[in-house]
Amino acid sequence: MAKVTANYEVVYIMDPALGDEAIAAMIEKFKALVESQQGTVAEVDDWGKRRLAYPINDLNEGHYVLMTFTSTPDLPAEMDRVMKITEGVMRSMIVCKDEK
């Protein structure tokens, strides 16, 4: 049976206190994670530092990143697991853009 791929979007918020170099390294880390699982990154949109709708961990601002990628259905679960254990990632959400 052939591998089925789908289009996904992930939005994640990082602690802005990490600094520009650490934030850039984390963005590259998540791009490399997609590519190591035979996925393809379509776009990475760095939204920068923005005010949060509500405080998270006593912080009022976060660094937002939107990444669009194509992969097999098992990658989003792995990416979610990695983001939950990565220090500095405050929140993340992965959605499938394809209609079912």
PDB file of N, CA and C in Angstrom:
ATOM      1  N   MET A   1       0.840  -1.183   0.000  1.00  0.00           N
ATOM      2  CA  MET A   1       0.000   0.000   0.000  1.00  0.00           C
ATOM      3  C   MET A   1       0.885   1.246   0.000  1.00  0.00           C
ATOM      4  N   ALA A   2       0.528   2.224  -0.782  1.00  0.00           N
ATOM      5  CA  ALA A   2       1.318   3.445  -0.904  1.00  0.00           C
ATOM      6  C   ALA A   2       1.132   4.336   0.314  1.00  0.00           C
ATOM      7  N   LYS A   3       2.169   5.107   0.603  1.00  0.00           N
ATOM      8  CA  LYS A   3       2.071   6.066   1.705  1.00  0.00           C
ATOM      9  C   LYS A   3       1.146   7.201   1.299  1.00  0.00           C
ATOM     10  N   VAL A   4       0.265   7.583   2.191  1.00  0.00           N
ATOM     11  CA  VAL A   4      -0.643   8.689   1.947  1.00  0.00           C
ATOM     12  C   VAL A   4      -0.088   9.905   2.663  1.00  0.00           C
ATOM     13  N   THR A   5       0.000  11.020   1.935  1.00  0.00           N
ATOM     14  CA  THR A   5       0.492  12.241   2.556  1.00  0.00           C
ATOM     15  C   THR A   5      -0.634  13.255   2.653  1.00  0.00           C
ATOM     16  N   ALA A   6      -0.474  14.168   3.574  1.00  0.00           N
ATOM     17  CA  ALA A   6      -1.466  15.220   3.782  1.00  0.00           C
ATOM     18  C   ALA A   6      -0.735  16.526   4.070  1.00  0.00           C
ATOM     19  N   ASN A   7      -1.455  17.621   3.934  1.00  0.00           N
ATOM     20  CA  ASN A   7      -0.909  18.944   4.222  1.00  0.00           C
ATOM     21  C   ASN A   7      -1.278  19.334   5.646  1.00  0.00           C
ATOM     22  N   TYR A   8      -0.300  19.849   6.376  1.00  0.00           N
ATOM     23  CA  TYR A   8      -0.493  20.228   7.775  1.00  0.00           C
ATOM     24  C   TYR A   8       0.025  21.641   8.017  1.00  0.00           C
ATOM     25  N   GLU A   9      -0.517  22.258   9.053  1.00  0.00           N
ATOM     26  CA  GLU A   9      -0.023  23.534   9.571  1.00  0.00           C
ATOM     27  C   GLU A   9       0.256  23.354  11.050  1.00  0.00           C
ATOM     28  N   VAL A  10       1.346  23.925  11.494  1.00  0.00           N
ATOM     29  CA  VAL A  10       1.640  23.956  12.924  1.00  0.00           C
ATOM     30  C   VAL A  10       1.945  25.400  13.302  1.00  0.00           C
ATOM     31  N   VAL A  11       1.311  25.843  14.369  1.00  0.00           N
ATOM     32  CA  VAL A  11       1.603  27.150  14.958  1.00  0.00           C
ATOM     33  C   VAL A  11       2.167  26.878  16.335  1.00  0.00           C
ATOM     34  N   TYR A  12       3.321  27.447  16.620  1.00  0.00           N
ATOM     35  CA  TYR A  12       3.874  27.276  17.957  1.00  0.00           C
ATOM     36  C   TYR A  12       4.361  28.614  18.489  1.00  0.00           C
ATOM     37  N   ILE A  13       4.266  28.728  19.818  1.00  0.00           N
ATOM     38  CA  ILE A  13       4.646  29.956  20.510  1.00  0.00           C
ATOM     39  C   ILE A  13       5.841  29.621  21.394  1.00  0.00           C
ATOM     40  N   MET A  14       6.895  30.408  21.243  1.00  0.00           N
ATOM     41  CA  MET A  14       8.098  30.198  22.038  1.00  0.00           C
ATOM     42  C   MET A  14       8.297  31.358  23.004  1.00  0.00           C
ATOM     43  N   ASP A  15       9.028  31.084  24.057  1.00  0.00           N
ATOM     44  CA  ASP A  15       9.375  32.102  25.051  1.00  0.00           C
ATOM     45  C   ASP A  15      10.306  33.123  24.392  1.00  0.00           C
ATOM     46  N   PRO A  16       9.921  34.406  24.355  1.00  0.00           N
ATOM     47  CA  PRO A  16      10.783  35.398  23.698  1.00  0.00           C
ATOM     48  C   PRO A  16      12.089  35.658  24.438  1.00  0.00           C
ATOM     49  N   ALA A  17      12.186  35.230  25.681  1.00  0.00           N
ATOM     50  CA  ALA A  17      13.418  35.417  26.452  1.00  0.00           C
ATOM     51  C   ALA A  17      14.544  34.496  25.959  1.00  0.00           C
ATOM     52  N   LEU A  18      14.239  33.559  25.071  1.00  0.00           N
ATOM     53  CA  LEU A  18      15.271  32.665  24.545  1.00  0.00           C
ATOM     54  C   LEU A  18      16.322  33.420  23.741  1.00  0.00           C
ATOM     55  N   GLY A  19      15.929  34.480  23.088  1.00  0.00           N
ATOM     56  CA  GLY A  19      16.863  35.233  22.256  1.00  0.00           C
ATOM     57  C   GLY A  19      16.749  34.819  20.799  1.00  0.00           C
ATOM     58  N   ASP A  20      17.228  35.682  19.927  1.00  0.00           N
ATOM     59  CA  ASP A  20      17.086  35.465  18.488  1.00  0.00           C
ATOM     60  C   ASP A  20      17.798  34.211  17.992  1.00  0.00           C
ATOM     61  N   GLU A  21      19.009  33.958  18.493  1.00  0.00           N
ATOM     62  CA  GLU A  21      19.770  32.795  18.025  1.00  0.00           C
ATOM     63  C   GLU A  21      19.097  31.496  18.434  1.00  0.00           C
ATOM     64  N   ALA A  22      18.625  31.405  19.662  1.00  0.00           N
ATOM     65  CA  ALA A  22      17.976  30.184  20.132  1.00  0.00           C
ATOM     66  C   ALA A  22      16.651  29.960  19.419  1.00  0.00           C
ATOM     67  N   ILE A  23      15.929  31.027  19.135  1.00  0.00           N
ATOM     68  CA  ILE A  23      14.661  30.908  18.422  1.00  0.00           C
ATOM     69  C   ILE A  23      14.915  30.421  16.992  1.00  0.00           C
ATOM     70  N   ALA A  24      15.916  30.991  16.328  1.00  0.00           N
ATOM     71  CA  ALA A  24      16.258  30.549  14.968  1.00  0.00           C
ATOM     72  C   ALA A  24      16.699  29.082  14.965  1.00  0.00           C
ATOM     73  N   ALA A  25      17.444  28.672  15.981  1.00  0.00           N
ATOM     74  CA  ALA A  25      17.883  27.282  16.075  1.00  0.00           C
ATOM     75  C   ALA A  25      16.697  26.349  16.287  1.00  0.00           C
ATOM     76  N   MET A  26      15.709  26.779  17.066  1.00  0.00           N
ATOM     77  CA  MET A  26      14.541  25.950  17.317  1.00  0.00           C
ATOM     78  C   MET A  26      13.683  25.821  16.053  1.00  0.00           C
ATOM     79  N   ILE A  27      13.571  26.899  15.285  1.00  0.00           N
ATOM     80  CA  ILE A  27      12.834  26.835  14.019  1.00  0.00           C
ATOM     81  C   ILE A  27      13.503  25.832  13.083  1.00  0.00           C
ATOM     82  N   GLU A  28      14.825  25.874  13.006  1.00  0.00           N
ATOM     83  CA  GLU A  28      15.568  24.923  12.176  1.00  0.00           C
ATOM     84  C   GLU A  28      15.422  23.495  12.690  1.00  0.00           C
ATOM     85  N   LYS A  29      15.359  23.335  13.994  1.00  0.00           N
ATOM     86  CA  LYS A  29      15.187  22.004  14.588  1.00  0.00           C
ATOM     87  C   LYS A  29      13.870  21.388  14.135  1.00  0.00           C
ATOM     88  N   PHE A  30      12.788  22.164  14.144  1.00  0.00           N
ATOM     89  CA  PHE A  30      11.492  21.625  13.753  1.00  0.00           C
ATOM     90  C   PHE A  30      11.414  21.400  12.240  1.00  0.00           C
ATOM     91  N   LYS A  31      12.088  22.242  11.441  1.00  0.00           N
ATOM     92  CA  LYS A  31      12.165  21.995  10.004  1.00  0.00           C
ATOM     93  C   LYS A  31      12.920  20.693   9.734  1.00  0.00           C
ATOM     94  N   ALA A  32      14.010  20.479  10.445  1.00  0.00           N
ATOM     95  CA  ALA A  32      14.803  19.261  10.264  1.00  0.00           C
ATOM     96  C   ALA A  32      14.025  18.025  10.695  1.00  0.00           C
ATOM     97  N   LEU A  33      13.187  18.161  11.713  1.00  0.00           N
ATOM     98  CA  LEU A  33      12.361  17.036  12.164  1.00  0.00           C
ATOM     99  C   LEU A  33      11.415  16.601  11.056  1.00  0.00           C
ATOM    100  N   VAL A  34      10.791  17.552  10.381  1.00  0.00           N
ATOM    101  CA  VAL A  34       9.878  17.226   9.270  1.00  0.00           C
ATOM    102  C   VAL A  34      10.648  16.551   8.141  1.00  0.00           C
ATOM    103  N   GLU A  35      11.793  17.116   7.786  1.00  0.00           N
ATOM    104  CA  GLU A  35      12.568  16.580   6.670  1.00  0.00           C
ATOM    105  C   GLU A  35      13.181  15.222   6.988  1.00  0.00           C
ATOM    106  N   SER A  36      13.487  14.951   8.246  1.00  0.00           N
ATOM    107  CA  SER A  36      14.044  13.646   8.621  1.00  0.00           C
ATOM    108  C   SER A  36      12.998  12.537   8.552  1.00  0.00           C
ATOM    109  N   GLN A  37      11.730  12.899   8.571  1.00  0.00           N
ATOM    110  CA  GLN A  37      10.642  11.919   8.489  1.00  0.00           C
ATOM    111  C   GLN A  37      10.055  11.859   7.071  1.00  0.00           C
ATOM    112  N   GLN A  38      10.830  12.211   6.069  1.00  0.00           N
ATOM    113  CA  GLN A  38      10.442  12.225   4.661  1.00  0.00           C
ATOM    114  C   GLN A  38       9.270  13.168   4.388  1.00  0.00           C
ATOM    115  N   GLY A  39       9.164  14.238   5.154  1.00  0.00           N
ATOM    116  CA  GLY A  39       8.176  15.278   4.895  1.00  0.00           C
ATOM    117  C   GLY A  39       8.825  16.424   4.144  1.00  0.00           C
ATOM    118  N   THR A  40       8.013  17.322   3.627  1.00  0.00           N
ATOM    119  CA  THR A  40       8.542  18.489   2.944  1.00  0.00           C
ATOM    120  C   THR A  40       7.947  19.747   3.564  1.00  0.00           C
ATOM    121  N   VAL A  41       8.804  20.688   3.877  1.00  0.00           N
ATOM    122  CA  VAL A  41       8.374  21.961   4.451  1.00  0.00           C
ATOM    123  C   VAL A  41       8.031  22.894   3.299  1.00  0.00           C
ATOM    124  N   ALA A  42       6.783  23.360   3.265  1.00  0.00           N
ATOM    125  CA  ALA A  42       6.352  24.264   2.201  1.00  0.00           C
ATOM    126  C   ALA A  42       6.688  25.710   2.533  1.00  0.00           C
ATOM    127  N   GLU A  43       6.477  26.097   3.795  1.00  0.00           N
ATOM    128  CA  GLU A  43       6.676  27.497   4.170  1.00  0.00           C
ATOM    129  C   GLU A  43       6.887  27.602   5.672  1.00  0.00           C
ATOM    130  N   VAL A  44       7.758  28.516   6.070  1.00  0.00           N
ATOM    131  CA  VAL A  44       7.937  28.868   7.479  1.00  0.00           C
ATOM    132  C   VAL A  44       7.727  30.370   7.580  1.00  0.00           C
ATOM    133  N   ASP A  45       6.713  30.758   8.329  1.00  0.00           N
ATOM    134  CA  ASP A  45       6.369  32.171   8.472  1.00  0.00           C
ATOM    135  C   ASP A  45       6.624  32.579   9.925  1.00  0.00           C
ATOM    136  N   ASP A  46       7.684  33.337  10.128  1.00  0.00           N
ATOM    137  CA  ASP A  46       8.057  33.795  11.466  1.00  0.00           C
ATOM    138  C   ASP A  46       7.306  35.096  11.756  1.00  0.00           C
ATOM    139  N   TRP A  47       6.301  35.017  12.617  1.00  0.00           N
ATOM    140  CA  TRP A  47       5.466  36.176  12.926  1.00  0.00           C
ATOM    141  C   TRP A  47       6.127  37.107  13.936  1.00  0.00           C
ATOM    142  N   GLY A  48       7.127  36.632  14.636  1.00  0.00           N
ATOM    143  CA  GLY A  48       7.823  37.465  15.609  1.00  0.00           C
ATOM    144  C   GLY A  48       7.116  37.525  16.954  1.00  0.00           C
ATOM    145  N   LYS A  49       7.519  38.510  17.737  1.00  0.00           N
ATOM    146  CA  LYS A  49       6.998  38.649  19.102  1.00  0.00           C
ATOM    147  C   LYS A  49       5.653  39.366  19.072  1.00  0.00           C
ATOM    148  N   ARG A  50       4.663  38.747  19.726  1.00  0.00           N
ATOM    149  CA  ARG A  50       3.316  39.315  19.790  1.00  0.00           C
ATOM    150  C   ARG A  50       2.751  39.148  21.193  1.00  0.00           C
ATOM    151  N   ARG A  51       1.772  39.972  21.488  1.00  0.00           N
ATOM    152  CA  ARG A  51       1.093  39.899  22.779  1.00  0.00           C
ATOM    153  C   ARG A  51       0.182  38.679  22.799  1.00  0.00           C
ATOM    154  N   LEU A  52       0.187  37.956  23.912  1.00  0.00           N
ATOM    155  CA  LEU A  52      -0.668  36.784  24.078  1.00  0.00           C
ATOM    156  C   LEU A  52      -2.083  37.214  24.464  1.00  0.00           C
ATOM    157  N   ALA A  53      -3.062  36.398  24.131  1.00  0.00           N
ATOM    158  CA  ALA A  53      -4.448  36.683  24.493  1.00  0.00           C
ATOM    159  C   ALA A  53      -4.647  36.579  26.004  1.00  0.00           C
ATOM    160  N   TYR A  54      -3.883  35.706  26.640  1.00  0.00           N
ATOM    161  CA  TYR A  54      -3.921  35.538  28.090  1.00  0.00           C
ATOM    162  C   TYR A  54      -2.529  35.119  28.544  1.00  0.00           C
ATOM    163  N   PRO A  55      -2.164  35.403  29.787  1.00  0.00           N
ATOM    164  CA  PRO A  55      -0.810  35.055  30.257  1.00  0.00           C
ATOM    165  C   PRO A  55      -0.575  33.538  30.273  1.00  0.00           C
ATOM    166  N   ILE A  56       0.592  33.144  29.827  1.00  0.00           N
ATOM    167  CA  ILE A  56       1.031  31.748  29.888  1.00  0.00           C
ATOM    168  C   ILE A  56       2.328  31.744  30.670  1.00  0.00           C
ATOM    169  N   ASN A  57       2.375  31.004  31.760  1.00  0.00           N
ATOM    170  CA  ASN A  57       3.560  30.937  32.624  1.00  0.00           C
ATOM    171  C   ASN A  57       4.006  32.334  33.047  1.00  0.00           C
ATOM    172  N   ASP A  58       3.062  33.190  33.376  1.00  0.00           N
ATOM    173  CA  ASP A  58       3.297  34.570  33.811  1.00  0.00           C
ATOM    174  C   ASP A  58       3.950  35.439  32.735  1.00  0.00           C
ATOM    175  N   LEU A  59       3.851  35.047  31.477  1.00  0.00           N
ATOM    176  CA  LEU A  59       4.373  35.845  30.371  1.00  0.00           C
ATOM    177  C   LEU A  59       3.212  36.431  29.578  1.00  0.00           C
ATOM    178  N   ASN A  60       3.373  37.655  29.104  1.00  0.00           N
ATOM    179  CA  ASN A  60       2.333  38.318  28.327  1.00  0.00           C
ATOM    180  C   ASN A  60       2.652  38.385  26.836  1.00  0.00           C
ATOM    181  N   GLU A  61       3.868  37.980  26.446  1.00  0.00           N
ATOM    182  CA  GLU A  61       4.269  37.986  25.048  1.00  0.00           C
ATOM    183  C   GLU A  61       4.879  36.648  24.678  1.00  0.00           C
ATOM    184  N   GLY A  62       4.810  36.320  23.389  1.00  0.00           N
ATOM    185  CA  GLY A  62       5.400  35.098  22.890  1.00  0.00           C
ATOM    186  C   GLY A  62       5.883  35.294  21.466  1.00  0.00           C
ATOM    187  N   HIS A  63       6.797  34.448  21.023  1.00  0.00           N
ATOM    188  CA  HIS A  63       7.323  34.499  19.656  1.00  0.00           C
ATOM    189  C   HIS A  63       6.579  33.441  18.841  1.00  0.00           C
ATOM    190  N   TYR A  64       5.785  33.893  17.855  1.00  0.00           N
ATOM    191  CA  TYR A  64       4.934  33.009  17.066  1.00  0.00           C
ATOM    192  C   TYR A  64       5.625  32.570  15.782  1.00  0.00           C
ATOM    193  N   VAL A  65       5.401  31.283  15.412  1.00  0.00           N
ATOM    194  CA  VAL A  65       5.905  30.743  14.152  1.00  0.00           C
ATOM    195  C   VAL A  65       4.815  29.863  13.541  1.00  0.00           C
ATOM    196  N   LEU A  66       4.563  30.031  12.237  1.00  0.00           N
ATOM    197  CA  LEU A  66       3.633  29.194  11.487  1.00  0.00           C
ATOM    198  C   LEU A  66       4.440  28.414  10.462  1.00  0.00           C
ATOM    199  N   MET A  67       4.301  27.089  10.469  1.00  0.00           N
ATOM    200  CA  MET A  67       5.006  26.247   9.503  1.00  0.00           C
ATOM    201  C   MET A  67       3.988  25.379   8.778  1.00  0.00           C
ATOM    202  N   THR A  68       4.076  25.350   7.442  1.00  0.00           N
ATOM    203  CA  THR A  68       3.222  24.522   6.604  1.00  0.00           C
ATOM    204  C   THR A  68       4.085  23.403   6.030  1.00  0.00           C
ATOM    205  N   PHE A  69       3.580  22.158   6.125  1.00  0.00           N
ATOM    206  CA  PHE A  69       4.369  21.029   5.626  1.00  0.00           C
ATOM    207  C   PHE A  69       3.461  19.914   5.130  1.00  0.00           C
ATOM    208  N   THR A  70       4.053  19.005   4.362  1.00  0.00           N
ATOM    209  CA  THR A  70       3.377  17.821   3.852  1.00  0.00           C
ATOM    210  C   THR A  70       4.101  16.610   4.409  1.00  0.00           C
ATOM    211  N   SER A  71       3.329  15.649   4.934  1.00  0.00           N
ATOM    212  CA  SER A  71       3.954  14.452   5.497  1.00  0.00           C
ATOM    213  C   SER A  71       2.938  13.326   5.600  1.00  0.00           C
ATOM    214  N   THR A  72       3.431  12.188   6.054  1.00  0.00           N
ATOM    215  CA  THR A  72       2.553  11.060   6.349  1.00  0.00           C
ATOM    216  C   THR A  72       1.821  11.340   7.659  1.00  0.00           C
ATOM    217  N   PRO A  73       0.732  10.641   7.926  1.00  0.00           N
ATOM    218  CA  PRO A  73      -0.069  10.946   9.121  1.00  0.00           C
ATOM    219  C   PRO A  73       0.614  10.682  10.471  1.00  0.00           C
ATOM    220  N   ASP A  74       1.714   9.953  10.490  1.00  0.00           N
ATOM    221  CA  ASP A  74       2.358   9.669  11.776  1.00  0.00           C
ATOM    222  C   ASP A  74       3.276  10.805  12.258  1.00  0.00           C
ATOM    223  N   LEU A  75       3.706  11.697  11.378  1.00  0.00           N
ATOM    224  CA  LEU A  75       4.604  12.778  11.769  1.00  0.00           C
ATOM    225  C   LEU A  75       3.978  13.797  12.721  1.00  0.00           C
ATOM    226  N   PRO A  76       2.739  14.240  12.533  1.00  0.00           N
ATOM    227  CA  PRO A  76       2.186  15.225  13.471  1.00  0.00           C
ATOM    228  C   PRO A  76       2.176  14.756  14.928  1.00  0.00           C
ATOM    229  N   ALA A  77       1.930  13.494  15.162  1.00  0.00           N
ATOM    230  CA  ALA A  77       1.953  12.978  16.533  1.00  0.00           C
ATOM    231  C   ALA A  77       3.362  13.055  17.115  1.00  0.00           C
ATOM    232  N   GLU A  78       4.363  12.725  16.318  1.00  0.00           N
ATOM    233  CA  GLU A  78       5.754  12.803  16.773  1.00  0.00           C
ATOM    234  C   GLU A  78       6.165  14.256  17.005  1.00  0.00           C
ATOM    235  N   MET A  79       5.753  15.152  16.104  1.00  0.00           N
ATOM    236  CA  MET A  79       6.079  16.563  16.263  1.00  0.00           C
ATOM    237  C   MET A  79       5.431  17.133  17.522  1.00  0.00           C
ATOM    238  N   ASP A  80       4.193  16.753  17.786  1.00  0.00           N
ATOM    239  CA  ASP A  80       3.502  17.207  18.992  1.00  0.00           C
ATOM    240  C   ASP A  80       4.237  16.723  20.245  1.00  0.00           C
ATOM    241  N   ARG A  81       4.689  15.475  20.226  1.00  0.00           N
ATOM    242  CA  ARG A  81       5.433  14.921  21.366  1.00  0.00           C
ATOM    243  C   ARG A  81       6.723  15.700  21.598  1.00  0.00           C
ATOM    244  N   VAL A  82       7.462  15.979  20.519  1.00  0.00           N
ATOM    245  CA  VAL A  82       8.737  16.692  20.632  1.00  0.00           C
ATOM    246  C   VAL A  82       8.507  18.116  21.130  1.00  0.00           C
ATOM    247  N   MET A  83       7.470  18.776  20.631  1.00  0.00           N
ATOM    248  CA  MET A  83       7.200  20.154  21.059  1.00  0.00           C
ATOM    249  C   MET A  83       6.807  20.224  22.533  1.00  0.00           C
ATOM    250  N   LYS A  84       6.112  19.215  23.020  1.00  0.00           N
ATOM    251  CA  LYS A  84       5.696  19.219  24.425  1.00  0.00           C
ATOM    252  C   LYS A  84       6.879  19.070  25.377  1.00  0.00           C
ATOM    253  N   ILE A  85       7.935  18.393  24.936  1.00  0.00           N
ATOM    254  CA  ILE A  85       9.081  18.180  25.822  1.00  0.00           C
ATOM    255  C   ILE A  85      10.221  19.165  25.559  1.00  0.00           C
ATOM    256  N   THR A  86      10.068  20.038  24.563  1.00  0.00           N
ATOM    257  CA  THR A  86      11.111  21.012  24.240  1.00  0.00           C
ATOM    258  C   THR A  86      10.983  22.230  25.146  1.00  0.00           C
ATOM    259  N   GLU A  87      12.056  22.535  25.837  1.00  0.00           N
ATOM    260  CA  GLU A  87      12.095  23.701  26.722  1.00  0.00           C
ATOM    261  C   GLU A  87      12.000  24.969  25.883  1.00  0.00           C
ATOM    262  N   GLY A  88      11.108  25.859  26.254  1.00  0.00           N
ATOM    263  CA  GLY A  88      10.956  27.120  25.542  1.00  0.00           C
ATOM    264  C   GLY A  88       9.723  27.187  24.660  1.00  0.00           C
ATOM    265  N   VAL A  89       9.122  26.034  24.325  1.00  0.00           N
ATOM    266  CA  VAL A  89       7.881  26.038  23.552  1.00  0.00           C
ATOM    267  C   VAL A  89       6.730  26.153  24.541  1.00  0.00           C
ATOM    268  N   MET A  90       5.995  27.261  24.444  1.00  0.00           N
ATOM    269  CA  MET A  90       4.922  27.518  25.401  1.00  0.00           C
ATOM    270  C   MET A  90       3.623  26.829  24.990  1.00  0.00           C
ATOM    271  N   ARG A  91       3.273  26.877  23.714  1.00  0.00           N
ATOM    272  CA  ARG A  91       2.063  26.258  23.190  1.00  0.00           C
ATOM    273  C   ARG A  91       2.310  25.862  21.742  1.00  0.00           C
ATOM    274  N   SER A  92       1.569  24.845  21.276  1.00  0.00           N
ATOM    275  CA  SER A  92       1.622  24.468  19.872  1.00  0.00           C
ATOM    276  C   SER A  92       0.296  23.846  19.458  1.00  0.00           C
ATOM    277  N   MET A  93      -0.012  23.961  18.175  1.00  0.00           N
ATOM    278  CA  MET A  93      -1.228  23.371  17.644  1.00  0.00           C
ATOM    279  C   MET A  93      -0.961  22.936  16.206  1.00  0.00           C
ATOM    280  N   ILE A  94      -1.276  21.669  15.902  1.00  0.00           N
ATOM    281  CA  ILE A  94      -1.082  21.122  14.579  1.00  0.00           C
ATOM    282  C   ILE A  94      -2.455  20.788  14.005  1.00  0.00           C
ATOM    283  N   VAL A  95      -2.708  21.244  12.771  1.00  0.00           N
ATOM    284  CA  VAL A  95      -3.986  20.955  12.116  1.00  0.00           C
ATOM    285  C   VAL A  95      -3.728  20.409  10.711  1.00  0.00           C
ATOM    286  N   CYS A  96      -4.629  19.541  10.264  1.00  0.00           N
ATOM    287  CA  CYS A  96      -4.575  19.018   8.906  1.00  0.00           C
ATOM    288  C   CYS A  96      -5.387  19.953   8.023  1.00  0.00           C
ATOM    289  N   LYS A  97      -4.789  20.448   6.937  1.00  0.00           N
ATOM    290  CA  LYS A  97      -5.470  21.393   6.054  1.00  0.00           C
ATOM    291  C   LYS A  97      -6.333  20.690   5.005  1.00  0.00           C
ATOM    292  N   ASP A  98      -6.129  19.406   4.802  1.00  0.00           N
ATOM    293  CA  ASP A  98      -6.905  18.663   3.799  1.00  0.00           C
ATOM    294  C   ASP A  98      -8.281  18.337   4.353  1.00  0.00           C
ATOM    295  N   GLU A  99      -9.276  18.402   3.484  1.00  0.00           N
ATOM    296  CA  GLU A  99     -10.627  18.035   3.889  1.00  0.00           C
ATOM    297  C   GLU A  99     -10.757  16.537   3.905  1.00  0.00           C
ATOM    298  N   LYS A 100     -11.575  16.056   4.800  1.00  0.00           N
ATOM    299  CA  LYS A 100     -11.776  14.610   4.917  1.00  0.00           C
ATOM    300  C   LYS A 100     -13.050  14.192   4.253  1.00  0.00           C
TER     301      LYS A 100
END
